[in-house]
Protein backbone atom coordinates (compact mmCIF):
# COMPACT_ATOMS: atom_id res chain seq x y z
CA MET A 1 -17.20 5.59 36.33
CA THR A 2 -13.78 5.41 34.68
CA PRO A 3 -12.32 2.01 33.90
CA ARG A 4 -9.48 0.79 36.09
CA PRO A 5 -6.07 0.87 34.50
CA PRO A 6 -4.56 -2.58 33.95
CA ILE A 7 -2.19 -3.99 36.54
CA TRP A 8 1.22 -4.69 35.05
CA SER A 9 3.38 -7.56 36.24
CA VAL A 10 7.07 -8.41 35.88
CA TYR A 11 7.81 -12.04 35.13
CA LEU A 12 10.78 -14.34 34.65
CA VAL A 13 10.62 -17.31 32.32
CA ARG A 14 13.03 -20.23 32.50
CA CYS A 15 13.83 -21.73 29.11
CA GLY A 16 14.57 -25.38 28.47
CA ASP A 17 18.28 -24.53 28.26
CA GLY A 18 18.15 -23.06 31.79
CA SER A 19 18.45 -19.42 30.74
CA LEU A 20 16.12 -16.76 32.19
CA TYR A 21 14.08 -14.18 30.29
CA THR A 22 12.51 -11.12 31.96
CA GLY A 23 9.41 -9.36 30.67
CA VAL A 24 6.32 -7.34 31.59
CA ALA A 25 2.66 -7.96 30.82
CA THR A 26 -0.87 -7.35 32.05
CA ASP A 27 -1.69 -11.03 31.57
CA VAL A 28 1.38 -13.21 32.07
CA GLU A 29 -0.35 -16.47 31.11
CA ARG A 30 -1.53 -14.99 27.79
CA ARG A 31 1.93 -13.51 27.18
CA LEU A 32 3.61 -16.86 27.77
CA GLU A 33 1.26 -18.43 25.22
CA GLU A 34 2.23 -15.73 22.72
CA HIS A 35 5.91 -16.47 23.34
CA GLU A 36 5.33 -20.22 22.88
CA ARG A 37 3.45 -19.70 19.60
CA GLY A 38 6.05 -17.23 18.33
CA GLU A 39 3.19 -14.75 17.95
CA ARG A 40 4.42 -11.33 19.02
CA GLY A 41 6.93 -13.22 21.12
CA ALA A 42 10.36 -11.95 22.09
CA LYS A 43 13.17 -12.78 19.66
CA TYR A 44 15.21 -14.23 22.52
CA LEU A 45 12.58 -16.91 23.12
CA ARG A 46 12.18 -18.00 19.50
CA GLY A 47 13.18 -21.61 19.11
CA ARG A 48 13.53 -22.12 22.86
CA ASP A 49 11.29 -24.85 24.22
CA ASN A 50 9.89 -25.77 27.62
CA LEU A 51 9.15 -22.22 28.76
CA GLU A 52 8.07 -21.96 32.37
CA VAL A 53 7.13 -18.87 34.39
CA VAL A 54 9.27 -19.11 37.52
CA LEU A 55 8.48 -15.68 38.98
CA GLU A 56 5.52 -13.34 38.58
CA HIS A 57 5.09 -10.15 40.56
CA ALA A 58 2.23 -7.64 40.18
CA VAL A 59 3.69 -4.13 40.12
CA GLY A 60 0.86 -1.79 39.17
CA GLU A 61 1.56 0.93 36.63
CA ARG A 62 3.30 0.16 33.36
CA GLY A 63 6.16 2.61 33.98
CA ALA A 64 7.00 1.02 37.32
CA ALA A 65 6.91 -2.45 35.77
CA LEU A 66 9.24 -1.37 32.96
CA SER A 67 11.66 0.21 35.45
CA LEU A 68 11.72 -2.95 37.54
CA GLU A 69 12.20 -5.08 34.41
CA ALA A 70 15.20 -2.94 33.41
CA ARG A 71 16.73 -3.34 36.86
CA ILE A 72 16.27 -7.10 36.82
CA LYS A 73 17.80 -7.39 33.34
CA LYS A 74 20.96 -5.72 34.66
CA LEU A 75 21.37 -8.31 37.43
CA SER A 76 23.82 -11.18 37.17
CA ARG A 77 22.43 -14.63 36.57
CA MET A 78 23.25 -15.50 40.18
CA ARG A 79 21.17 -12.57 41.48
CA LYS A 80 18.28 -13.48 39.16
CA GLU A 81 18.34 -17.04 40.48
CA ALA A 82 18.20 -15.61 44.02
CA LEU A 83 15.14 -13.57 43.04
CA VAL A 84 13.46 -16.73 41.78
CA ARG A 85 14.24 -18.54 45.04
CA GLU A 86 13.56 -15.73 47.49
CA GLY A 87 11.13 -13.36 45.79
CA GLU A 88 11.16 -10.91 48.72
CA SER A 89 14.17 -9.00 47.42
CA LEU A 90 11.95 -8.10 44.47
CA ASN A 91 9.75 -6.14 46.88
CA GLU A 92 12.85 -4.30 48.09
CA MET A 93 13.76 -3.39 44.50
CA LEU A 94 10.25 -2.15 43.89
CA ALA A 95 10.29 -0.07 47.09
CA ALA A 96 13.63 1.48 46.08
CA LEU A 97 12.19 2.41 42.68
CA ARG A 98 9.21 4.09 44.30
CA GLU A 99 11.49 6.12 46.57
CA SER A 100 13.58 7.42 43.68
């Protein structure tokens, strides 16, 4: 029996200054801890306190998660805030990626 591939998720973190960071991980909770410790954390998050995951969405394969992350990073702050509030439009983005 072959092992199951990990399920990748896209996540958004709100920083203490109100800014949003987008990333991908197989274990979002562990990844947030790494960011908070500065261990293998993103440069953007260094020195930023009060990190909180405000959106987490399981995507599946790593490539799909990276594509969705890239799309989210291109969104305006207003659109990212709408994703955090509504979440469903994230499913629409994911569906559009799968169709292309």
